[in-house]
Amino acid sequence: MNVYDESFAVIQQRLEEFRNGTAEENSYTAYLFSKGVDKICKKVGEEATETVIAAKNGDCEELANEINDLIYHVMVLCADRGLDWKRVEQLMHERNEKAGNLKQFHTVDKNT
């Protein structure tokens, strides 16, 4: 089990605790679930923006922290929407199989 699997398992546990009314009061993850998909999506957007800013600032430590925050919030979104993290990993694996073939990844824009 890797760190992402472990993190997602904890997030899913917090979702279950939220749903059955046993979530700890100080659980940020349970708080996000209580606020719903709009709040979770807002946090994903904020963290994505902060990731871009950190990249532009050139501070790798700040960038690593913001990427971590972004991945966490994306995982919360996945759990909230019923998307298993294993599916995300599976798609990454499938895309890695196609590495080097831009046409299989995206539609090529002839202007770029």
PDB file of N, CA and C in Angstrom:
ATOM      1  N   MET A   1       0.854  -1.176   0.000  1.00  0.00           N
ATOM      2  CA  MET A   1       0.000   0.000   0.000  1.00  0.00           C
ATOM      3  C   MET A   1       0.901   1.241   0.000  1.00  0.00           C
ATOM      4  N   ASN A   2       0.633   2.171  -0.915  1.00  0.00           N
ATOM      5  CA  ASN A   2       1.436   3.390  -0.958  1.00  0.00           C
ATOM      6  C   ASN A   2       0.744   4.512  -0.188  1.00  0.00           C
ATOM      7  N   VAL A   3       1.408   5.626  -0.070  1.00  0.00           N
ATOM      8  CA  VAL A   3       0.895   6.740   0.727  1.00  0.00           C
ATOM      9  C   VAL A   3      -0.451   7.247   0.196  1.00  0.00           C
ATOM     10  N   TYR A   4      -0.662   7.193  -1.121  1.00  0.00           N
ATOM     11  CA  TYR A   4      -1.936   7.645  -1.671  1.00  0.00           C
ATOM     12  C   TYR A   4      -3.062   6.693  -1.290  1.00  0.00           C
ATOM     13  N   ASP A   5      -2.785   5.395  -1.343  1.00  0.00           N
ATOM     14  CA  ASP A   5      -3.782   4.410  -0.923  1.00  0.00           C
ATOM     15  C   ASP A   5      -4.125   4.596   0.554  1.00  0.00           C
ATOM     16  N   GLU A   6      -3.097   4.795   1.369  1.00  0.00           N
ATOM     17  CA  GLU A   6      -3.317   5.004   2.800  1.00  0.00           C
ATOM     18  C   GLU A   6      -4.146   6.267   3.053  1.00  0.00           C
ATOM     19  N   SER A   7      -3.801   7.338   2.363  1.00  0.00           N
ATOM     20  CA  SER A   7      -4.526   8.607   2.536  1.00  0.00           C
ATOM     21  C   SER A   7      -5.984   8.465   2.098  1.00  0.00           C
ATOM     22  N   PHE A   8      -6.185   7.799   0.966  1.00  0.00           N
ATOM     23  CA  PHE A   8      -7.554   7.637   0.482  1.00  0.00           C
ATOM     24  C   PHE A   8      -8.364   6.762   1.428  1.00  0.00           C
ATOM     25  N   ALA A   9      -7.736   5.750   2.011  1.00  0.00           N
ATOM     26  CA  ALA A   9      -8.435   4.892   2.978  1.00  0.00           C
ATOM     27  C   ALA A   9      -8.891   5.706   4.184  1.00  0.00           C
ATOM     28  N   VAL A  10      -8.055   6.609   4.656  1.00  0.00           N
ATOM     29  CA  VAL A  10      -8.431   7.470   5.781  1.00  0.00           C
ATOM     30  C   VAL A  10      -9.576   8.397   5.369  1.00  0.00           C
ATOM     31  N   ILE A  11      -9.500   8.956   4.184  1.00  0.00           N
ATOM     32  CA  ILE A  11     -10.561   9.846   3.692  1.00  0.00           C
ATOM     33  C   ILE A  11     -11.885   9.086   3.605  1.00  0.00           C
ATOM     34  N   GLN A  12     -11.839   7.873   3.085  1.00  0.00           N
ATOM     35  CA  GLN A  12     -13.060   7.069   3.007  1.00  0.00           C
ATOM     36  C   GLN A  12     -13.600   6.742   4.397  1.00  0.00           C
ATOM     37  N   GLN A  13     -12.696   6.498   5.342  1.00  0.00           N
ATOM     38  CA  GLN A  13     -13.119   6.247   6.717  1.00  0.00           C
ATOM     39  C   GLN A  13     -13.817   7.479   7.289  1.00  0.00           C
ATOM     40  N   ARG A  14     -13.261   8.662   7.030  1.00  0.00           N
ATOM     41  CA  ARG A  14     -13.876   9.906   7.513  1.00  0.00           C
ATOM     42  C   ARG A  14     -15.258  10.119   6.873  1.00  0.00           C
ATOM     43  N   LEU A  15     -15.383   9.746   5.606  1.00  0.00           N
ATOM     44  CA  LEU A  15     -16.680   9.864   4.940  1.00  0.00           C
ATOM     45  C   LEU A  15     -17.700   8.946   5.612  1.00  0.00           C
ATOM     46  N   GLU A  16     -17.301   7.728   5.893  1.00  0.00           N
ATOM     47  CA  GLU A  16     -18.195   6.782   6.563  1.00  0.00           C
ATOM     48  C   GLU A  16     -18.581   7.296   7.953  1.00  0.00           C
ATOM     49  N   GLU A  17     -17.602   7.814   8.691  1.00  0.00           N
ATOM     50  CA  GLU A  17     -17.875   8.375  10.017  1.00  0.00           C
ATOM     51  C   GLU A  17     -18.832   9.563   9.917  1.00  0.00           C
ATOM     52  N   PHE A  18     -18.636  10.408   8.911  1.00  0.00           N
ATOM     53  CA  PHE A  18     -19.541  11.536   8.704  1.00  0.00           C
ATOM     54  C   PHE A  18     -20.959  11.031   8.438  1.00  0.00           C
ATOM     55  N   ARG A  19     -21.063  10.047   7.560  1.00  0.00           N
ATOM     56  CA  ARG A  19     -22.378   9.528   7.186  1.00  0.00           C
ATOM     57  C   ARG A  19     -23.107   8.870   8.345  1.00  0.00           C
ATOM     58  N   ASN A  20     -22.359   8.200   9.233  1.00  0.00           N
ATOM     59  CA  ASN A  20     -23.042   7.522  10.336  1.00  0.00           C
ATOM     60  C   ASN A  20     -23.048   8.341  11.630  1.00  0.00           C
ATOM     61  N   GLY A  21     -22.601   9.587  11.548  1.00  0.00           N
ATOM     62  CA  GLY A  21     -22.696  10.502  12.683  1.00  0.00           C
ATOM     63  C   GLY A  21     -21.649  10.314  13.760  1.00  0.00           C
ATOM     64  N   THR A  22     -20.556   9.633  13.445  1.00  0.00           N
ATOM     65  CA  THR A  22     -19.512   9.399  14.448  1.00  0.00           C
ATOM     66  C   THR A  22     -18.225  10.173  14.162  1.00  0.00           C
ATOM     67  N   ALA A  23     -18.277  11.118  13.270  1.00  0.00           N
ATOM     68  CA  ALA A  23     -17.069  11.879  12.910  1.00  0.00           C
ATOM     69  C   ALA A  23     -16.612  12.735  14.084  1.00  0.00           C
ATOM     70  N   GLU A  24     -15.298  12.806  14.245  1.00  0.00           N
ATOM     71  CA  GLU A  24     -14.729  13.667  15.280  1.00  0.00           C
ATOM     72  C   GLU A  24     -14.991  15.126  14.929  1.00  0.00           C
ATOM     73  N   GLU A  25     -15.224  15.934  15.937  1.00  0.00           N
ATOM     74  CA  GLU A  25     -15.514  17.349  15.719  1.00  0.00           C
ATOM     75  C   GLU A  25     -14.372  18.092  15.056  1.00  0.00           C
ATOM     76  N   ASN A  26     -13.142  17.674  15.321  1.00  0.00           N
ATOM     77  CA  ASN A  26     -11.994  18.388  14.785  1.00  0.00           C
ATOM     78  C   ASN A  26     -11.482  17.790  13.470  1.00  0.00           C
ATOM     79  N   SER A  27     -12.269  16.945  12.821  1.00  0.00           N
ATOM     80  CA  SER A  27     -11.854  16.337  11.557  1.00  0.00           C
ATOM     81  C   SER A  27     -12.138  17.291  10.400  1.00  0.00           C
ATOM     82  N   TYR A  28     -11.068  17.792   9.791  1.00  0.00           N
ATOM     83  CA  TYR A  28     -11.223  18.692   8.650  1.00  0.00           C
ATOM     84  C   TYR A  28     -11.880  17.970   7.479  1.00  0.00           C
ATOM     85  N   THR A  29     -11.534  16.705   7.290  1.00  0.00           N
ATOM     86  CA  THR A  29     -12.106  15.935   6.185  1.00  0.00           C
ATOM     87  C   THR A  29     -13.613  15.779   6.370  1.00  0.00           C
ATOM     88  N   ALA A  30     -14.033  15.433   7.586  1.00  0.00           N
ATOM     89  CA  ALA A  30     -15.469  15.316   7.864  1.00  0.00           C
ATOM     90  C   ALA A  30     -16.162  16.666   7.681  1.00  0.00           C
ATOM     91  N   TYR A  31     -15.494  17.739   8.068  1.00  0.00           N
ATOM     92  CA  TYR A  31     -16.036  19.092   7.854  1.00  0.00           C
ATOM     93  C   TYR A  31     -16.308  19.336   6.369  1.00  0.00           C
ATOM     94  N   LEU A  32     -15.340  18.970   5.526  1.00  0.00           N
ATOM     95  CA  LEU A  32     -15.543  19.155   4.085  1.00  0.00           C
ATOM     96  C   LEU A  32     -16.750  18.367   3.595  1.00  0.00           C
ATOM     97  N   PHE A  33     -16.872  17.118   4.031  1.00  0.00           N
ATOM     98  CA  PHE A  33     -18.020  16.311   3.625  1.00  0.00           C
ATOM     99  C   PHE A  33     -19.326  16.950   4.103  1.00  0.00           C
ATOM    100  N   SER A  34     -19.305  17.543   5.288  1.00  0.00           N
ATOM    101  CA  SER A  34     -20.522  18.169   5.819  1.00  0.00           C
ATOM    102  C   SER A  34     -20.941  19.385   5.005  1.00  0.00           C
ATOM    103  N   LYS A  35     -19.972  20.045   4.388  1.00  0.00           N
ATOM    104  CA  LYS A  35     -20.267  21.241   3.587  1.00  0.00           C
ATOM    105  C   LYS A  35     -20.683  20.908   2.160  1.00  0.00           C
ATOM    106  N   GLY A  36     -20.363  19.703   1.710  1.00  0.00           N
ATOM    107  CA  GLY A  36     -20.844  19.248   0.411  1.00  0.00           C
ATOM    108  C   GLY A  36     -19.901  19.516  -0.751  1.00  0.00           C
ATOM    109  N   VAL A  37     -20.372  19.087  -1.911  1.00  0.00           N
ATOM    110  CA  VAL A  37     -19.531  19.096  -3.111  1.00  0.00           C
ATOM    111  C   VAL A  37     -19.127  20.509  -3.538  1.00  0.00           C
ATOM    112  N   ASP A  38     -19.981  21.500  -3.315  1.00  0.00           N
ATOM    113  CA  ASP A  38     -19.614  22.866  -3.715  1.00  0.00           C
ATOM    114  C   ASP A  38     -18.385  23.355  -2.946  1.00  0.00           C
ATOM    115  N   LYS A  39     -18.361  23.116  -1.643  1.00  0.00           N
ATOM    116  CA  LYS A  39     -17.212  23.520  -0.818  1.00  0.00           C
ATOM    117  C   LYS A  39     -15.964  22.731  -1.224  1.00  0.00           C
ATOM    118  N   ILE A  40     -16.135  21.432  -1.453  1.00  0.00           N
ATOM    119  CA  ILE A  40     -14.996  20.605  -1.843  1.00  0.00           C
ATOM    120  C   ILE A  40     -14.429  21.081  -3.176  1.00  0.00           C
ATOM    121  N   CYS A  41     -15.289  21.353  -4.128  1.00  0.00           N
ATOM    122  CA  CYS A  41     -14.833  21.851  -5.431  1.00  0.00           C
ATOM    123  C   CYS A  41     -14.149  23.208  -5.295  1.00  0.00           C
ATOM    124  N   LYS A  42     -14.671  24.050  -4.440  1.00  0.00           N
ATOM    125  CA  LYS A  42     -14.044  25.353  -4.199  1.00  0.00           C
ATOM    126  C   LYS A  42     -12.624  25.164  -3.676  1.00  0.00           C
ATOM    127  N   LYS A  43     -12.443  24.228  -2.745  1.00  0.00           N
ATOM    128  CA  LYS A  43     -11.119  23.965  -2.195  1.00  0.00           C
ATOM    129  C   LYS A  43     -10.180  23.403  -3.262  1.00  0.00           C
ATOM    130  N   VAL A  44     -10.685  22.523  -4.133  1.00  0.00           N
ATOM    131  CA  VAL A  44      -9.851  22.004  -5.220  1.00  0.00           C
ATOM    132  C   VAL A  44      -9.377  23.162  -6.095  1.00  0.00           C
ATOM    133  N   GLY A  45     -10.289  24.064  -6.433  1.00  0.00           N
ATOM    134  CA  GLY A  45      -9.927  25.224  -7.248  1.00  0.00           C
ATOM    135  C   GLY A  45      -8.911  26.123  -6.567  1.00  0.00           C
ATOM    136  N   GLU A  46      -9.113  26.374  -5.272  1.00  0.00           N
ATOM    137  CA  GLU A  46      -8.166  27.206  -4.526  1.00  0.00           C
ATOM    138  C   GLU A  46      -6.782  26.569  -4.503  1.00  0.00           C
ATOM    139  N   GLU A  47      -6.742  25.274  -4.240  1.00  0.00           N
ATOM    140  CA  GLU A  47      -5.448  24.594  -4.156  1.00  0.00           C
ATOM    141  C   GLU A  47      -4.770  24.524  -5.522  1.00  0.00           C
ATOM    142  N   ALA A  48      -5.543  24.374  -6.575  1.00  0.00           N
ATOM    143  CA  ALA A  48      -4.966  24.376  -7.925  1.00  0.00           C
ATOM    144  C   ALA A  48      -4.333  25.739  -8.214  1.00  0.00           C
ATOM    145  N   THR A  49      -5.033  26.794  -7.852  1.00  0.00           N
ATOM    146  CA  THR A  49      -4.506  28.139  -8.055  1.00  0.00           C
ATOM    147  C   THR A  49      -3.242  28.358  -7.235  1.00  0.00           C
ATOM    148  N   GLU A  50      -3.257  27.920  -5.977  1.00  0.00           N
ATOM    149  CA  GLU A  50      -2.082  28.069  -5.127  1.00  0.00           C
ATOM    150  C   GLU A  50      -0.904  27.252  -5.662  1.00  0.00           C
ATOM    151  N   THR A  51      -1.190  26.116  -6.284  1.00  0.00           N
ATOM    152  CA  THR A  51      -0.141  25.305  -6.901  1.00  0.00           C
ATOM    153  C   THR A  51       0.501  26.065  -8.052  1.00  0.00           C
ATOM    154  N   VAL A  52      -0.309  26.702  -8.870  1.00  0.00           N
ATOM    155  CA  VAL A  52       0.204  27.484  -9.995  1.00  0.00           C
ATOM    156  C   VAL A  52       1.062  28.650  -9.483  1.00  0.00           C
ATOM    157  N   ILE A  53       0.582  29.331  -8.463  1.00  0.00           N
ATOM    158  CA  ILE A  53       1.331  30.463  -7.909  1.00  0.00           C
ATOM    159  C   ILE A  53       2.671  29.990  -7.347  1.00  0.00           C
ATOM    160  N   ALA A  54       2.656  28.875  -6.626  1.00  0.00           N
ATOM    161  CA  ALA A  54       3.905  28.338  -6.069  1.00  0.00           C
ATOM    162  C   ALA A  54       4.887  27.990  -7.180  1.00  0.00           C
ATOM    163  N   ALA A  55       4.379  27.424  -8.265  1.00  0.00           N
ATOM    164  CA  ALA A  55       5.250  27.084  -9.397  1.00  0.00           C
ATOM    165  C   ALA A  55       5.859  28.353  -9.993  1.00  0.00           C
ATOM    166  N   LYS A  56       5.041  29.379 -10.137  1.00  0.00           N
ATOM    167  CA  LYS A  56       5.533  30.644 -10.700  1.00  0.00           C
ATOM    168  C   LYS A  56       6.537  31.314  -9.763  1.00  0.00           C
ATOM    169  N   ASN A  57       6.374  31.111  -8.438  1.00  0.00           N
ATOM    170  CA  ASN A  57       7.293  31.702  -7.468  1.00  0.00           C
ATOM    171  C   ASN A  57       8.649  31.005  -7.465  1.00  0.00           C
ATOM    172  N   GLY A  58       8.710  29.792  -8.000  1.00  0.00           N
ATOM    173  CA  GLY A  58       9.973  29.068  -8.084  1.00  0.00           C
ATOM    174  C   GLY A  58      10.445  28.449  -6.780  1.00  0.00           C
ATOM    175  N   ASP A  59       9.557  28.342  -5.804  1.00  0.00           N
ATOM    176  CA  ASP A  59       9.909  27.765  -4.506  1.00  0.00           C
ATOM    177  C   ASP A  59       9.445  26.309  -4.489  1.00  0.00           C
ATOM    178  N   CYS A  60      10.384  25.387  -4.626  1.00  0.00           N
ATOM    179  CA  CYS A  60      10.030  23.964  -4.731  1.00  0.00           C
ATOM    180  C   CYS A  60       9.387  23.424  -3.461  1.00  0.00           C
ATOM    181  N   GLU A  61       9.778  23.917  -2.303  1.00  0.00           N
ATOM    182  CA  GLU A  61       9.164  23.451  -1.050  1.00  0.00           C
ATOM    183  C   GLU A  61       7.705  23.892  -0.983  1.00  0.00           C
ATOM    184  N   GLU A  62       7.458  25.143  -1.332  1.00  0.00           N
ATOM    185  CA  GLU A  62       6.084  25.661  -1.377  1.00  0.00           C
ATOM    186  C   GLU A  62       5.276  24.881  -2.421  1.00  0.00           C
ATOM    187  N   LEU A  63       5.881  24.614  -3.555  1.00  0.00           N
ATOM    188  CA  LEU A  63       5.203  23.866  -4.620  1.00  0.00           C
ATOM    189  C   LEU A  63       4.843  22.463  -4.153  1.00  0.00           C
ATOM    190  N   ALA A  64       5.766  21.781  -3.491  1.00  0.00           N
ATOM    191  CA  ALA A  64       5.495  20.437  -2.985  1.00  0.00           C
ATOM    192  C   ALA A  64       4.330  20.454  -1.998  1.00  0.00           C
ATOM    193  N   ASN A  65       4.300  21.441  -1.123  1.00  0.00           N
ATOM    194  CA  ASN A  65       3.195  21.552  -0.163  1.00  0.00           C
ATOM    195  C   ASN A  65       1.863  21.800  -0.855  1.00  0.00           C
ATOM    196  N   GLU A  66       1.862  22.668  -1.842  1.00  0.00           N
ATOM    197  CA  GLU A  66       0.609  22.979  -2.540  1.00  0.00           C
ATOM    198  C   GLU A  66       0.125  21.793  -3.372  1.00  0.00           C
ATOM    199  N   ILE A  67       1.046  21.069  -3.989  1.00  0.00           N
ATOM    200  CA  ILE A  67       0.653  19.868  -4.738  1.00  0.00           C
ATOM    201  C   ILE A  67       0.033  18.851  -3.780  1.00  0.00           C
ATOM    202  N   ASN A  68       0.638  18.700  -2.619  1.00  0.00           N
ATOM    203  CA  ASN A  68       0.100  17.787  -1.616  1.00  0.00           C
ATOM    204  C   ASN A  68      -1.322  18.199  -1.209  1.00  0.00           C
ATOM    205  N   ASP A  69      -1.531  19.490  -0.965  1.00  0.00           N
ATOM    206  CA  ASP A  69      -2.863  19.980  -0.621  1.00  0.00           C
ATOM    207  C   ASP A  69      -3.858  19.721  -1.754  1.00  0.00           C
ATOM    208  N   LEU A  70      -3.417  19.942  -2.975  1.00  0.00           N
ATOM    209  CA  LEU A  70      -4.282  19.724  -4.131  1.00  0.00           C
ATOM    210  C   LEU A  70      -4.684  18.250  -4.247  1.00  0.00           C
ATOM    211  N   ILE A  71      -3.710  17.361  -4.123  1.00  0.00           N
ATOM    212  CA  ILE A  71      -4.016  15.932  -4.232  1.00  0.00           C
ATOM    213  C   ILE A  71      -4.975  15.508  -3.123  1.00  0.00           C
ATOM    214  N   TYR A  72      -4.748  15.986  -1.917  1.00  0.00           N
ATOM    215  CA  TYR A  72      -5.649  15.665  -0.804  1.00  0.00           C
ATOM    216  C   TYR A  72      -7.085  16.084  -1.125  1.00  0.00           C
ATOM    217  N   HIS A  73      -7.262  17.323  -1.572  1.00  0.00           N
ATOM    218  CA  HIS A  73      -8.609  17.807  -1.858  1.00  0.00           C
ATOM    219  C   HIS A  73      -9.232  17.081  -3.043  1.00  0.00           C
ATOM    220  N   VAL A  74      -8.437  16.702  -4.027  1.00  0.00           N
ATOM    221  CA  VAL A  74      -8.943  15.897  -5.141  1.00  0.00           C
ATOM    222  C   VAL A  74      -9.404  14.536  -4.626  1.00  0.00           C
ATOM    223  N   MET A  75      -8.661  13.964  -3.702  1.00  0.00           N
ATOM    224  CA  MET A  75      -9.063  12.685  -3.116  1.00  0.00           C
ATOM    225  C   MET A  75     -10.378  12.810  -2.349  1.00  0.00           C
ATOM    226  N   VAL A  76     -10.542  13.901  -1.619  1.00  0.00           N
ATOM    227  CA  VAL A  76     -11.804  14.143  -0.910  1.00  0.00           C
ATOM    228  C   VAL A  76     -12.940  14.239  -1.921  1.00  0.00           C
ATOM    229  N   LEU A  77     -12.696  14.932  -3.025  1.00  0.00           N
ATOM    230  CA  LEU A  77     -13.706  15.049  -4.076  1.00  0.00           C
ATOM    231  C   LEU A  77     -14.050  13.675  -4.646  1.00  0.00           C
ATOM    232  N   CYS A  78     -13.045  12.871  -4.904  1.00  0.00           N
ATOM    233  CA  CYS A  78     -13.281  11.512  -5.411  1.00  0.00           C
ATOM    234  C   CYS A  78     -14.164  10.725  -4.449  1.00  0.00           C
ATOM    235  N   ALA A  79     -13.805  10.734  -3.178  1.00  0.00           N
ATOM    236  CA  ALA A  79     -14.589   9.989  -2.182  1.00  0.00           C
ATOM    237  C   ALA A  79     -16.016  10.501  -2.125  1.00  0.00           C
ATOM    238  N   ASP A  80     -16.176  11.806  -2.125  1.00  0.00           N
ATOM    239  CA  ASP A  80     -17.510  12.395  -2.061  1.00  0.00           C
ATOM    240  C   ASP A  80     -18.370  11.985  -3.253  1.00  0.00           C
ATOM    241  N   ARG A  81     -17.756  11.879  -4.414  1.00  0.00           N
ATOM    242  CA  ARG A  81     -18.489  11.550  -5.632  1.00  0.00           C
ATOM    243  C   ARG A  81     -18.558  10.045  -5.890  1.00  0.00           C
ATOM    244  N   GLY A  82     -17.962   9.254  -5.014  1.00  0.00           N
ATOM    245  CA  GLY A  82     -18.010   7.807  -5.170  1.00  0.00           C
ATOM    246  C   GLY A  82     -17.023   7.248  -6.177  1.00  0.00           C
ATOM    247  N   LEU A  83     -15.995   8.002  -6.464  1.00  0.00           N
ATOM    248  CA  LEU A  83     -14.956   7.570  -7.402  1.00  0.00           C
ATOM    249  C   LEU A  83     -13.792   6.993  -6.613  1.00  0.00           C
ATOM    250  N   ASP A  84     -13.501   5.724  -6.804  1.00  0.00           N
ATOM    251  CA  ASP A  84     -12.420   5.068  -6.091  1.00  0.00           C
ATOM    252  C   ASP A  84     -11.075   5.537  -6.641  1.00  0.00           C
ATOM    253  N   TRP A  85     -10.146   5.825  -5.739  1.00  0.00           N
ATOM    254  CA  TRP A  85      -8.817   6.283  -6.139  1.00  0.00           C
ATOM    255  C   TRP A  85      -8.118   5.267  -7.034  1.00  0.00           C
ATOM    256  N   LYS A  86      -8.439   3.992  -6.855  1.00  0.00           N
ATOM    257  CA  LYS A  86      -7.846   2.946  -7.705  1.00  0.00           C
ATOM    258  C   LYS A  86      -8.180   3.195  -9.176  1.00  0.00           C
ATOM    259  N   ARG A  87      -9.351   3.743  -9.455  1.00  0.00           N
ATOM    260  CA  ARG A  87      -9.730   4.049 -10.840  1.00  0.00           C
ATOM    261  C   ARG A  87      -8.844   5.144 -11.402  1.00  0.00           C
ATOM    262  N   VAL A  88      -8.537   6.132 -10.602  1.00  0.00           N
ATOM    263  CA  VAL A  88      -7.637   7.211 -11.032  1.00  0.00           C
ATOM    264  C   VAL A  88      -6.255   6.629 -11.330  1.00  0.00           C
ATOM    265  N   GLU A  89      -5.779   5.773 -10.435  1.00  0.00           N
ATOM    266  CA  GLU A  89      -4.484   5.136 -10.652  1.00  0.00           C
ATOM    267  C   GLU A  89      -4.496   4.261 -11.900  1.00  0.00           C
ATOM    268  N   GLN A  90      -5.600   3.560 -12.114  1.00  0.00           N
ATOM    269  CA  GLN A  90      -5.723   2.698 -13.296  1.00  0.00           C
ATOM    270  C   GLN A  90      -5.620   3.520 -14.575  1.00  0.00           C
ATOM    271  N   LEU A  91      -6.285   4.655 -14.599  1.00  0.00           N
ATOM    272  CA  LEU A  91      -6.209   5.518 -15.784  1.00  0.00           C
ATOM    273  C   LEU A  91      -4.793   6.036 -16.006  1.00  0.00           C
ATOM    274  N   MET A  92      -4.094   6.362 -14.919  1.00  0.00           N
ATOM    275  CA  MET A  92      -2.711   6.816 -15.059  1.00  0.00           C
ATOM    276  C   MET A  92      -1.858   5.693 -15.633  1.00  0.00           C
ATOM    277  N   HIS A  93      -2.075   4.490 -15.149  1.00  0.00           N
ATOM    278  CA  HIS A  93      -1.344   3.337 -15.678  1.00  0.00           C
ATOM    279  C   HIS A  93      -1.620   3.166 -17.173  1.00  0.00           C
ATOM    280  N   GLU A  94      -2.893   3.260 -17.562  1.00  0.00           N
ATOM    281  CA  GLU A  94      -3.252   3.125 -18.976  1.00  0.00           C
ATOM    282  C   GLU A  94      -2.602   4.215 -19.810  1.00  0.00           C
ATOM    283  N   ARG A  95      -2.556   5.420 -19.289  1.00  0.00           N
ATOM    284  CA  ARG A  95      -1.919   6.521 -20.018  1.00  0.00           C
ATOM    285  C   ARG A  95      -0.416   6.319 -20.119  1.00  0.00           C
ATOM    286  N   ASN A  96       0.183   5.758 -19.082  1.00  0.00           N
ATOM    287  CA  ASN A  96       1.616   5.478 -19.131  1.00  0.00           C
ATOM    288  C   ASN A  96       1.943   4.463 -20.217  1.00  0.00           C
ATOM    289  N   GLU A  97       1.024   3.575 -20.491  1.00  0.00           N
ATOM    290  CA  GLU A  97       1.206   2.585 -21.555  1.00  0.00           C
ATOM    291  C   GLU A  97       1.276   3.274 -22.922  1.00  0.00           C
ATOM    292  N   LYS A  98       0.685   4.453 -23.017  1.00  0.00           N
ATOM    293  CA  LYS A  98       0.635   5.198 -24.282  1.00  0.00           C
ATOM    294  C   LYS A  98       1.689   6.298 -24.328  1.00  0.00           C
ATOM    295  N   ALA A  99       2.587   6.329 -23.380  1.00  0.00           N
ATOM    296  CA  ALA A  99       3.585   7.396 -23.294  1.00  0.00           C
ATOM    297  C   ALA A  99       4.286   7.589 -24.622  1.00  0.00           C
ATOM    298  N   GLY A 100       4.421   8.832 -24.991  1.00  0.00           N
ATOM    299  CA  GLY A 100       5.131   9.161 -26.216  1.00  0.00           C
ATOM    300  C   GLY A 100       4.232   9.320 -27.423  1.00  0.00           C
ATOM    301  N   ASN A 101       2.954   9.064 -27.271  1.00  0.00           N
ATOM    302  CA  ASN A 101       2.037   9.208 -28.393  1.00  0.00           C
ATOM    303  C   ASN A 101       1.010  10.285 -28.057  1.00  0.00           C
ATOM    304  N   LEU A 102       1.324  11.515 -28.406  1.00  0.00           N
ATOM    305  CA  LEU A 102       0.484  12.657 -28.082  1.00  0.00           C
ATOM    306  C   LEU A 102      -0.918  12.520 -28.647  1.00  0.00           C
ATOM    307  N   LYS A 103      -1.062  11.929 -29.819  1.00  0.00           N
ATOM    308  CA  LYS A 103      -2.382  11.789 -30.432  1.00  0.00           C
ATOM    309  C   LYS A 103      -3.292  10.895 -29.603  1.00  0.00           C
ATOM    310  N   GLN A 104      -2.735   9.920 -28.922  1.00  0.00           N
ATOM    311  CA  GLN A 104      -3.561   9.061 -28.077  1.00  0.00           C
ATOM    312  C   GLN A 104      -3.931   9.753 -26.774  1.00  0.00           C
ATOM    313  N   PHE A 105      -3.162  10.720 -26.359  1.00  0.00           N
ATOM    314  CA  PHE A 105      -3.405  11.433 -25.121  1.00  0.00           C
ATOM    315  C   PHE A 105      -4.436  12.539 -25.300  1.00  0.00           C
ATOM    316  N   HIS A 106      -4.224  13.350 -26.297  1.00  0.00           N
ATOM    317  CA  HIS A 106      -5.052  14.541 -26.523  1.00  0.00           C
ATOM    318  C   HIS A 106      -5.200  14.766 -28.026  1.00  0.00           C
ATOM    319  N   THR A 107      -6.186  15.573 -28.350  1.00  0.00           N
ATOM    320  CA  THR A 107      -6.283  16.018 -29.725  1.00  0.00           C
ATOM    321  C   THR A 107      -5.196  17.044 -29.964  1.00  0.00           C
ATOM    322  N   VAL A 108      -4.441  16.895 -31.001  1.00  0.00           N
ATOM    323  CA  VAL A 108      -3.330  17.798 -31.278  1.00  0.00           C
ATOM    324  C   VAL A 108      -3.862  19.080 -31.892  1.00  0.00           C
ATOM    325  N   ASP A 109      -3.477  20.208 -31.297  1.00  0.00           N
ATOM    326  CA  ASP A 109      -3.822  21.530 -31.824  1.00  0.00           C
ATOM    327  C   ASP A 109      -2.739  21.912 -32.806  1.00  0.00           C
ATOM    328  N   LYS A 110      -3.097  22.050 -34.062  1.00  0.00           N
ATOM    329  CA  LYS A 110      -2.114  22.327 -35.126  1.00  0.00           C
ATOM    330  C   LYS A 110      -1.495  23.710 -34.997  1.00  0.00           C
ATOM    331  N   ASN A 111      -2.084  24.585 -34.154  1.00  0.00           N
ATOM    332  CA  ASN A 111      -1.567  25.930 -33.992  1.00  0.00           C
ATOM    333  C   ASN A 111      -0.514  26.030 -32.894  1.00  0.00           C
ATOM    334  N   THR A 112      -0.266  24.917 -32.169  1.00  0.00           N
ATOM    335  CA  THR A 112       0.716  25.014 -31.080  1.00  0.00           C
ATOM    336  C   THR A 112       1.924  24.184 -31.363  1.00  0.00           C
TER     337      THR A 112
END
